[in-house]
C-alpha atoms as a PDB file:
ATOM      1  CA  MET A   1     -16.908 -39.199 132.503  1.00  0.00           C
ATOM      2  CA  ASN A   2     -18.585 -36.206 133.194  1.00  0.00           C
ATOM      3  CA  ASP A   3     -17.695 -35.072 136.835  1.00  0.00           C
ATOM      4  CA  ASN A   4     -20.575 -32.881 137.149  1.00  0.00           C
ATOM      5  CA  LEU A   5     -22.780 -35.551 137.179  1.00  0.00           C
ATOM      6  CA  SER A   6     -20.733 -37.020 140.133  1.00  0.00           C
ATOM      7  CA  ARG A   7     -20.983 -33.976 142.812  1.00  0.00           C
ATOM      8  CA  PRO A   8     -23.748 -33.472 145.023  1.00  0.00           C
ATOM      9  CA  GLN A   9     -26.149 -30.374 143.548  1.00  0.00           C
ATOM     10  CA  THR A  10     -26.312 -27.958 146.118  1.00  0.00           C
ATOM     11  CA  THR A  11     -29.133 -25.179 146.343  1.00  0.00           C
ATOM     12  CA  ARG A  12     -27.410 -21.508 146.686  1.00  0.00           C
ATOM     13  CA  ARG A  13     -28.464 -19.249 149.818  1.00  0.00           C
ATOM     14  CA  ILE A  14     -29.030 -15.880 148.430  1.00  0.00           C
ATOM     15  CA  ALA A  15     -29.804 -13.534 151.691  1.00  0.00           C
ATOM     16  CA  ARG A  16     -31.168 -10.013 150.467  1.00  0.00           C
ATOM     17  CA  GLY A  17     -31.250  -6.847 153.518  1.00  0.00           C
ATOM     18  CA  GLY A  18     -32.308  -3.555 153.917  1.00  0.00           C
ATOM     19  CA  LYS A  19     -33.363  -3.694 157.212  1.00  0.00           C
ATOM     20  CA  THR A  20     -31.272  -2.960 160.540  1.00  0.00           C
ATOM     21  CA  VAL A  21     -33.196  -5.388 162.842  1.00  0.00           C
ATOM     22  CA  TYR A  22     -34.674  -8.826 161.464  1.00  0.00           C
ATOM     23  CA  GLY A  23     -36.690 -11.181 163.018  1.00  0.00           C
ATOM     24  CA  ALA A  24     -38.783  -8.827 165.122  1.00  0.00           C
ATOM     25  CA  SER A  25     -41.718  -8.033 162.912  1.00  0.00           C
ATOM     26  CA  VAL A  26     -43.800  -5.822 165.386  1.00  0.00           C
ATOM     27  CA  GLY A  27     -43.446  -2.488 167.183  1.00  0.00           C
ATOM     28  CA  ILE A  28     -45.490  -2.236 169.371  1.00  0.00           C
ATOM     29  CA  LEU A  29     -45.870   1.828 171.044  1.00  0.00           C
ATOM     30  CA  MET A  30     -45.132   1.760 174.880  1.00  0.00           C
ATOM     31  CA  LEU A  31     -47.270   4.249 176.649  1.00  0.00           C
ATOM     32  CA  GLU A  32     -44.443   6.427 179.363  1.00  0.00           C
ATOM     33  CA  SER A  33     -45.871   4.632 182.354  1.00  0.00           C
ATOM     34  CA  ARG A  34     -43.817   3.346 185.734  1.00  0.00           C
ATOM     35  CA  PHE A  35     -47.408   0.836 186.976  1.00  0.00           C
ATOM     36  CA  PRO A  36     -46.909  -2.666 186.943  1.00  0.00           C
ATOM     37  CA  ARG A  37     -46.671  -4.689 184.145  1.00  0.00           C
ATOM     38  CA  ILE A  38     -47.621  -8.277 185.025  1.00  0.00           C
ATOM     39  CA  SER A  39     -46.870 -11.118 182.655  1.00  0.00           C
ATOM     40  CA  GLY A  40     -49.388 -11.095 180.381  1.00  0.00           C
ATOM     41  CA  ASP A  41     -48.991  -7.246 180.262  1.00  0.00           C
ATOM     42  CA  MET A  42     -48.453  -6.106 176.062  1.00  0.00           C
ATOM     43  CA  GLY A  43     -46.115  -4.115 177.646  1.00  0.00           C
ATOM     44  CA  ASN A  44     -43.925  -7.281 178.720  1.00  0.00           C
ATOM     45  CA  ALA A  45     -41.458  -8.623 176.399  1.00  0.00           C
ATOM     46  CA  GLU A  46     -42.480 -12.226 178.224  1.00  0.00           C
ATOM     47  CA  SER A  47     -46.044 -12.094 176.945  1.00  0.00           C
ATOM     48  CA  TRP A  48     -45.034 -12.578 173.750  1.00  0.00           C
ATOM     49  CA  PRO A  49     -44.150 -16.182 172.148  1.00  0.00           C
ATOM     50  CA  PHE A  50     -42.521 -13.965 168.720  1.00  0.00           C
ATOM     51  CA  PRO A  51     -39.704 -11.380 169.128  1.00  0.00           C
ATOM     52  CA  ILE A  52     -41.296  -7.822 169.083  1.00  0.00           C
ATOM     53  CA  ARG A  53     -39.565  -3.964 170.034  1.00  0.00           C
ATOM     54  CA  PHE A  54     -40.903  -1.349 172.108  1.00  0.00           C
ATOM     55  CA  ARG A  55     -40.978   2.134 171.671  1.00  0.00           C
ATOM     56  CA  VAL A  56     -41.812   4.856 173.964  1.00  0.00           C
ATOM     57  CA  VAL A  57     -43.776   7.284 173.587  1.00  0.00           C
ATOM     58  CA  ARG A  58     -42.804  10.506 175.810  1.00  0.00           C
ATOM     59  CA  GLY A  59     -45.188  12.370 177.526  1.00  0.00           C
ATOM     60  CA  ALA A  60     -47.855   9.528 176.446  1.00  0.00           C
ATOM     61  CA  THR A  61     -49.425   9.389 179.773  1.00  0.00           C
ATOM     62  CA  PRO A  62     -51.757   7.095 180.553  1.00  0.00           C
ATOM     63  CA  LYS A  63     -53.960   9.649 181.508  1.00  0.00           C
ATOM     64  CA  ARG A  64     -53.596  12.100 178.738  1.00  0.00           C
ATOM     65  CA  VAL A  65     -54.231   8.877 176.280  1.00  0.00           C
ATOM     66  CA  VAL A  66     -57.348   8.140 177.919  1.00  0.00           C
ATOM     67  CA  THR A  67     -58.826  11.212 179.532  1.00  0.00           C
ATOM     68  CA  GLU A  68     -57.461  13.493 177.809  1.00  0.00           C
ATOM     69  CA  ARG A  69     -58.034  12.261 173.604  1.00  0.00           C
ATOM     70  CA  ALA A  70     -53.534  12.314 173.526  1.00  0.00           C
ATOM     71  CA  GLU A  71     -54.185  15.557 172.394  1.00  0.00           C
ATOM     72  CA  GLY A  72     -50.573  16.634 170.696  1.00  0.00           C
ATOM     73  CA  LEU A  73     -49.602  12.980 170.394  1.00  0.00           C
ATOM     74  CA  LEU A  74     -50.447  12.787 167.206  1.00  0.00           C
ATOM     75  CA  GLU A  75     -46.458  13.316 165.590  1.00  0.00           C
ATOM     76  CA  ASP A  76     -45.130  11.959 168.678  1.00  0.00           C
ATOM     77  CA  PHE A  77     -46.284   8.749 167.527  1.00  0.00           C
ATOM     78  CA  VAL A  78     -46.180   8.819 164.656  1.00  0.00           C
ATOM     79  CA  ASP A  79     -42.843   9.410 164.404  1.00  0.00           C
ATOM     80  CA  ALA A  80     -42.087   6.181 167.149  1.00  0.00           C
ATOM     81  CA  ALA A  81     -43.752   3.877 164.640  1.00  0.00           C
ATOM     82  CA  ASN A  82     -41.479   5.210 161.794  1.00  0.00           C
ATOM     83  CA  GLU A  83     -37.981   4.404 163.413  1.00  0.00           C
ATOM     84  CA  LEU A  84     -39.509   1.217 164.669  1.00  0.00           C
ATOM     85  CA  VAL A  85     -40.042   0.871 160.628  1.00  0.00           C
ATOM     86  CA  LYS A  86     -36.857   1.983 159.891  1.00  0.00           C
ATOM     87  CA  ASP A  87     -35.596  -0.664 162.209  1.00  0.00           C
ATOM     88  CA  GLY A  88     -37.254  -2.857 160.493  1.00  0.00           C
ATOM     89  CA  CYS A  89     -40.583  -3.282 161.696  1.00  0.00           C
ATOM     90  CA  ASP A  90     -42.959  -4.838 159.076  1.00  0.00           C
ATOM     91  CA  GLY A  91     -46.407  -3.282 161.600  1.00  0.00           C
ATOM     92  CA  ILE A  92     -47.074  -1.750 164.678  1.00  0.00           C
ATOM     93  CA  THR A  93     -48.995  -1.673 166.849  1.00  0.00           C
ATOM     94  CA  THR A  94     -50.371   0.279 170.779  1.00  0.00           C
ATOM     95  CA  THR A  95     -49.835   0.161 174.487  1.00  0.00           C
ATOM     96  CA  CYS A  96     -53.406   1.831 174.135  1.00  0.00           C
ATOM     97  CA  GLY A  97     -56.938   0.776 172.801  1.00  0.00           C
ATOM     98  CA  PHE A  98     -58.214   5.040 173.521  1.00  0.00           C
ATOM     99  CA  LEU A  99     -55.235   5.721 170.305  1.00  0.00           C
ATOM    100  CA  SER A 100     -58.051   4.035 167.468  1.00  0.00           C
ATOM    101  CA  LEU A 101     -58.122   7.490 167.338  1.00  0.00           C
ATOM    102  CA  PHE A 102     -54.579   7.792 165.788  1.00  0.00           C
ATOM    103  CA  GLN A 103     -55.241   4.587 163.588  1.00  0.00           C
ATOM    104  CA  ALA A 104     -56.758   6.350 160.432  1.00  0.00           C
ATOM    105  CA  GLU A 105     -53.725   9.611 160.462  1.00  0.00           C
ATOM    106  CA  LEU A 106     -50.737   6.083 161.339  1.00  0.00           C
ATOM    107  CA  ALA A 107     -52.078   3.973 158.804  1.00  0.00           C
ATOM    108  CA  THR A 108     -51.539   6.869 156.286  1.00  0.00           C
ATOM    109  CA  ARG A 109     -48.102   7.880 157.228  1.00  0.00           C
ATOM    110  CA  CYS A 110     -46.375   4.806 157.485  1.00  0.00           C
ATOM    111  CA  ALA A 111     -45.286   2.158 155.130  1.00  0.00           C
ATOM    112  CA  VAL A 112     -46.272  -0.646 157.106  1.00  0.00           C
ATOM    113  CA  PRO A 113     -49.428  -2.298 158.529  1.00  0.00           C
ATOM    114  CA  VAL A 114     -51.455  -0.907 161.218  1.00  0.00           C
ATOM    115  CA  ALA A 115     -52.900  -2.093 164.268  1.00  0.00           C
ATOM    116  CA  THR A 116     -52.999   0.619 167.384  1.00  0.00           C
ATOM    117  CA  SER A 117     -56.563  -0.493 168.997  1.00  0.00           C
ATOM    118  CA  SER A 118     -58.050  -3.934 170.113  1.00  0.00           C
ATOM    119  CA  LEU A 119     -61.801  -2.776 169.384  1.00  0.00           C
ATOM    120  CA  MET A 120     -60.645  -2.856 165.562  1.00  0.00           C
ATOM    121  CA  GLN A 121     -61.958  -5.966 165.969  1.00  0.00           C
ATOM    122  CA  ALA A 122     -65.452  -5.874 166.977  1.00  0.00           C
ATOM    123  CA  GLY A 123     -66.437  -6.421 164.157  1.00  0.00           C
ATOM    124  CA  ALA A 124     -65.058  -9.913 162.891  1.00  0.00           C
ATOM    125  CA  ILE A 125     -65.810 -10.917 166.250  1.00  0.00           C
ATOM    126  CA  GLN A 126     -69.280  -9.638 166.017  1.00  0.00           C
ATOM    127  CA  ALA A 127     -69.261 -12.018 162.371  1.00  0.00           C
ATOM    128  CA  LEU A 128     -68.942 -15.076 164.449  1.00  0.00           C
ATOM    129  CA  LEU A 129     -71.682 -14.908 166.271  1.00  0.00           C
ATOM    130  CA  PRO A 130     -74.859 -16.691 166.206  1.00  0.00           C
ATOM    131  CA  PRO A 131     -77.917 -14.126 164.901  1.00  0.00           C
ATOM    132  CA  GLY A 132     -79.488 -12.633 168.340  1.00  0.00           C
ATOM    133  CA  ARG A 133     -76.122 -11.958 170.196  1.00  0.00           C
ATOM    134  CA  ARG A 134     -73.554  -9.381 169.928  1.00  0.00           C
ATOM    135  CA  VAL A 135     -70.159  -8.643 170.962  1.00  0.00           C
ATOM    136  CA  GLY A 136     -69.942  -6.457 173.984  1.00  0.00           C
ATOM    137  CA  ILE A 137     -66.353  -4.424 175.206  1.00  0.00           C
ATOM    138  CA  LEU A 138     -65.046  -4.232 178.563  1.00  0.00           C
ATOM    139  CA  THR A 139     -62.906  -0.993 179.394  1.00  0.00           C
ATOM    140  CA  ILE A 140     -61.280   0.847 181.540  1.00  0.00           C
ATOM    141  CA  SER A 141     -63.464   4.318 180.982  1.00  0.00           C
ATOM    142  CA  ALA A 142     -66.705   3.851 179.768  1.00  0.00           C
ATOM    143  CA  ALA A 143     -66.829   7.512 180.594  1.00  0.00           C
ATOM    144  CA  ALA A 144     -63.720   8.143 177.894  1.00  0.00           C
ATOM    145  CA  LEU A 145     -64.127   5.903 175.366  1.00  0.00           C
ATOM    146  CA  SER A 146     -66.505   8.323 173.029  1.00  0.00           C
ATOM    147  CA  PRO A 147     -67.947   7.632 170.376  1.00  0.00           C
ATOM    148  CA  GLU A 148     -64.825   8.735 167.816  1.00  0.00           C
ATOM    149  CA  HIS A 149     -62.764   5.970 168.973  1.00  0.00           C
ATOM    150  CA  LEU A 150     -65.577   3.385 168.571  1.00  0.00           C
ATOM    151  CA  ALA A 151     -66.267   5.177 165.194  1.00  0.00           C
ATOM    152  CA  ALA A 152     -62.356   4.934 164.538  1.00  0.00           C
ATOM    153  CA  ALA A 153     -62.257   1.536 165.368  1.00  0.00           C
ATOM    154  CA  ASN A 154     -65.291   0.322 163.412  1.00  0.00           C
ATOM    155  CA  VAL A 155     -67.193  -0.651 166.172  1.00  0.00           C
ATOM    156  CA  ALA A 156     -71.334   0.600 165.638  1.00  0.00           C
ATOM    157  CA  ALA A 157     -72.525   3.029 168.141  1.00  0.00           C
ATOM    158  CA  ASP A 158     -75.249   1.151 169.277  1.00  0.00           C
ATOM    159  CA  THR A 159     -72.454  -1.315 170.670  1.00  0.00           C
ATOM    160  CA  PRO A 160     -72.750  -2.784 174.183  1.00  0.00           C
ATOM    161  CA  VAL A 161     -70.103  -1.525 176.501  1.00  0.00           C
ATOM    162  CA  VAL A 162     -69.128  -1.363 180.242  1.00  0.00           C
ATOM    163  CA  GLY A 163     -66.165   0.303 182.488  1.00  0.00           C
ATOM    164  CA  VAL A 164     -64.325  -0.558 185.315  1.00  0.00           C
ATOM    165  CA  GLU A 165     -63.749   3.163 186.623  1.00  0.00           C
ATOM    166  CA  GLY A 166     -66.237   2.774 189.446  1.00  0.00           C
ATOM    167  CA  GLY A 167     -63.100  -0.480 190.729  1.00  0.00           C
ATOM    168  CA  ARG A 168     -61.089  -0.350 193.461  1.00  0.00           C
ATOM    169  CA  GLU A 169     -57.937  -0.874 192.275  1.00  0.00           C
ATOM    170  CA  PHE A 170     -57.572  -1.461 188.480  1.00  0.00           C
ATOM    171  CA  ALA A 171     -58.521   1.966 186.700  1.00  0.00           C
ATOM    172  CA  ARG A 172     -57.247   3.367 189.382  1.00  0.00           C
ATOM    173  CA  VAL A 173     -53.778   2.631 189.358  1.00  0.00           C
ATOM    174  CA  ILE A 174     -53.429   2.736 185.541  1.00  0.00           C
ATOM    175  CA  ILE A 175     -54.944   5.692 185.076  1.00  0.00           C
ATOM    176  CA  GLY A 176     -53.217   7.469 187.799  1.00  0.00           C
ATOM    177  CA  ASP A 177     -49.699   5.242 186.737  1.00  0.00           C
ATOM    178  CA  GLU A 178     -49.158   4.114 190.864  1.00  0.00           C
ATOM    179  CA  MET A 179     -46.428   2.431 191.339  1.00  0.00           C
ATOM    180  CA  GLU A 180     -47.662  -0.778 193.188  1.00  0.00           C
ATOM    181  CA  MET A 181     -50.738  -2.962 192.141  1.00  0.00           C
ATOM    182  CA  ASP A 182     -52.504  -5.411 194.404  1.00  0.00           C
ATOM    183  CA  VAL A 183     -53.351  -8.136 191.510  1.00  0.00           C
ATOM    184  CA  GLU A 184     -55.975  -9.950 192.656  1.00  0.00           C
ATOM    185  CA  LEU A 185     -57.730  -6.940 193.399  1.00  0.00           C
ATOM    186  CA  ALA A 186     -57.526  -5.697 190.157  1.00  0.00           C
ATOM    187  CA  LYS A 187     -58.899  -8.930 189.153  1.00  0.00           C
ATOM    188  CA  ARG A 188     -61.727  -8.983 190.923  1.00  0.00           C
ATOM    189  CA  ASP A 189     -62.879  -5.431 189.250  1.00  0.00           C
ATOM    190  CA  LEU A 190     -62.366  -7.112 185.829  1.00  0.00           C
ATOM    191  CA  ILE A 191     -64.517  -9.968 186.331  1.00  0.00           C
ATOM    192  CA  GLU A 192     -67.029  -7.189 188.246  1.00  0.00           C
ATOM    193  CA  GLY A 193     -67.196  -5.183 185.061  1.00  0.00           C
ATOM    194  CA  ALA A 194     -67.692  -7.951 182.406  1.00  0.00           C
ATOM    195  CA  ARG A 195     -69.746  -9.254 184.831  1.00  0.00           C
ATOM    196  CA  ARG A 196     -72.449  -6.558 184.656  1.00  0.00           C
ATOM    197  CA  LEU A 197     -71.796  -6.396 181.369  1.00  0.00           C
ATOM    198  CA  VAL A 198     -73.683  -9.458 180.870  1.00  0.00           C
ATOM    199  CA  ALA A 199     -75.932  -8.158 183.251  1.00  0.00           C
ATOM    200  CA  ASP A 200     -76.755  -5.830 181.733  1.00  0.00           C
ATOM    201  CA  ASN A 201     -76.907  -6.695 178.064  1.00  0.00           C
ATOM    202  CA  PRO A 202     -78.208 -10.596 178.045  1.00  0.00           C
ATOM    203  CA  GLU A 203     -77.704 -10.486 174.320  1.00  0.00           C
ATOM    204  CA  VAL A 204     -73.851 -10.213 174.537  1.00  0.00           C
ATOM    205  CA  GLY A 205     -71.929 -13.126 173.071  1.00  0.00           C
ATOM    206  CA  ALA A 206     -68.516 -12.432 173.421  1.00  0.00           C
ATOM    207  CA  ILE A 207     -66.423  -9.445 175.312  1.00  0.00           C
ATOM    208  CA  LEU A 208     -63.819  -7.536 173.674  1.00  0.00           C
ATOM    209  CA  LEU A 209     -60.706  -6.366 176.314  1.00  0.00           C
ATOM    210  CA  GLU A 210     -60.285  -2.578 174.830  1.00  0.00           C
ATOM    211  CA  CYS A 211     -57.629  -1.786 177.334  1.00  0.00           C
ATOM    212  CA  THR A 212     -54.471  -3.976 176.879  1.00  0.00           C
ATOM    213  CA  ASN A 213     -53.462  -4.136 180.507  1.00  0.00           C
ATOM    214  CA  MET A 214     -56.626  -6.230 180.963  1.00  0.00           C
ATOM    215  CA  VAL A 215     -54.974  -9.332 179.203  1.00  0.00           C
ATOM    216  CA  PRO A 216     -53.538 -11.073 181.738  1.00  0.00           C
ATOM    217  CA  HIS A 217     -57.102 -11.837 183.660  1.00  0.00           C
ATOM    218  CA  ALA A 218     -58.580 -12.825 180.198  1.00  0.00           C
ATOM    219  CA  ARG A 219     -59.484 -16.710 181.355  1.00  0.00           C
ATOM    220  CA  ALA A 220     -60.297 -15.573 184.308  1.00  0.00           C
ATOM    221  CA  ILE A 221     -63.054 -13.057 182.910  1.00  0.00           C
ATOM    222  CA  SER A 222     -63.630 -15.880 180.571  1.00  0.00           C
ATOM    223  CA  GLU A 223     -63.962 -18.742 183.469  1.00  0.00           C
ATOM    224  CA  ALA A 224     -66.518 -16.318 185.087  1.00  0.00           C
ATOM    225  CA  THR A 225     -68.928 -15.833 182.311  1.00  0.00           C
ATOM    226  CA  GLY A 226     -68.746 -18.573 180.143  1.00  0.00           C
ATOM    227  CA  LEU A 227     -68.003 -16.122 177.027  1.00  0.00           C
ATOM    228  CA  ALA A 228     -65.291 -15.968 174.962  1.00  0.00           C
ATOM    229  CA  THR A 229     -62.365 -13.150 175.728  1.00  0.00           C
ATOM    230  CA  PHE A 230     -60.497 -11.603 172.564  1.00  0.00           C
ATOM    231  CA  SER A 231     -58.091  -8.383 173.871  1.00  0.00           C
ATOM    232  CA  ILE A 232     -54.892  -7.315 172.289  1.00  0.00           C
ATOM    233  CA  HIS A 233     -52.976 -10.397 173.020  1.00  0.00           C
ATOM    234  CA  SER A 234     -55.302 -12.250 170.878  1.00  0.00           C
ATOM    235  CA  PHE A 235     -55.449  -9.605 168.277  1.00  0.00           C
ATOM    236  CA  VAL A 236     -51.857  -9.176 167.690  1.00  0.00           C
ATOM    237  CA  SER A 237     -50.824 -12.689 168.081  1.00  0.00           C
ATOM    238  CA  TRP A 238     -53.164 -12.156 164.857  1.00  0.00           C
ATOM    239  CA  PHE A 239     -51.423  -9.627 163.400  1.00  0.00           C
ATOM    240  CA  GLN A 240     -48.264 -11.081 163.541  1.00  0.00           C
ATOM    241  CA  SER A 241     -48.979 -14.218 161.777  1.00  0.00           C
ATOM    242  CA  GLY A 242     -50.120 -12.395 158.662  1.00  0.00           C
ATOM    243  CA  LEU A 243     -46.698  -9.796 159.113  1.00  0.00           C
ATOM    244  CA  ARG A 244     -44.544 -13.482 159.467  1.00  0.00           C
ATOM    245  CA  PRO A 245     -46.340 -16.677 158.438  1.00  0.00           C
ATOM    246  CA  PRO A 246     -45.257 -19.541 159.883  1.00  0.00           C
ATOM    247  CA  ARG A 247     -42.808 -21.557 157.684  1.00  0.00           C
ATOM    248  CA  PHE A 248     -44.075 -25.728 157.868  1.00  0.00           C
ATOM    249  CA  PRO A 249     -41.419 -28.728 156.533  1.00  0.00           C
ATOM    250  CA  GLU A 250     -43.201 -28.758 152.484  1.00  0.00           C
ATOM    251  CA  ASP A 251     -42.456 -24.951 152.220  1.00  0.00           C
END
């Protein structure tokens, strides 16, 4: 009798190396900040249903990135991104939509896919809408969101944009990097801004949140306006699903 026929056949599993850290496919470049990052905020690790890795870019304060166009910080972001890649990340994103200005350079100088800004979703969202409807952008500062920021994210120049810098709480706390935030007042600022976006632009059929710190209130914005509301959370969730596709039993 052939002993090989009576023994159970086993499949050899070969593990492959090459990284330092495994399983955290998304690397997030953080602004250096101290304002509260509540659940839902991109910089709160509990906001994500999958493992992530953070790297703080020192000197990249909210004010410097939003109102000063992140002048002088490109090399710091490139270095931090490449450190995350060396650690084992398969894709890089950031915690500020205004960093679309660095999209081309980071994508060129990193060996993995890069998604710097929530604004990069605008074209895809627009393609989903019926004729006559448009995507509208809610931003932390309409005054600071320049045509260059939009062009760098491939956003149409005539896209409706409304900022919340005139509100009572949200923009002041984030850009001023304050230690405390009245969460309810911040939410009201965003809802009022979203309603103004729709009132001033009746053709808006979906809302895109530029600011990553708006995510905790995306549901409230959607309910207040009756419109689909997209954010950095929806973008990075899609991004991660491509970097690390789910495994199914039939695979």
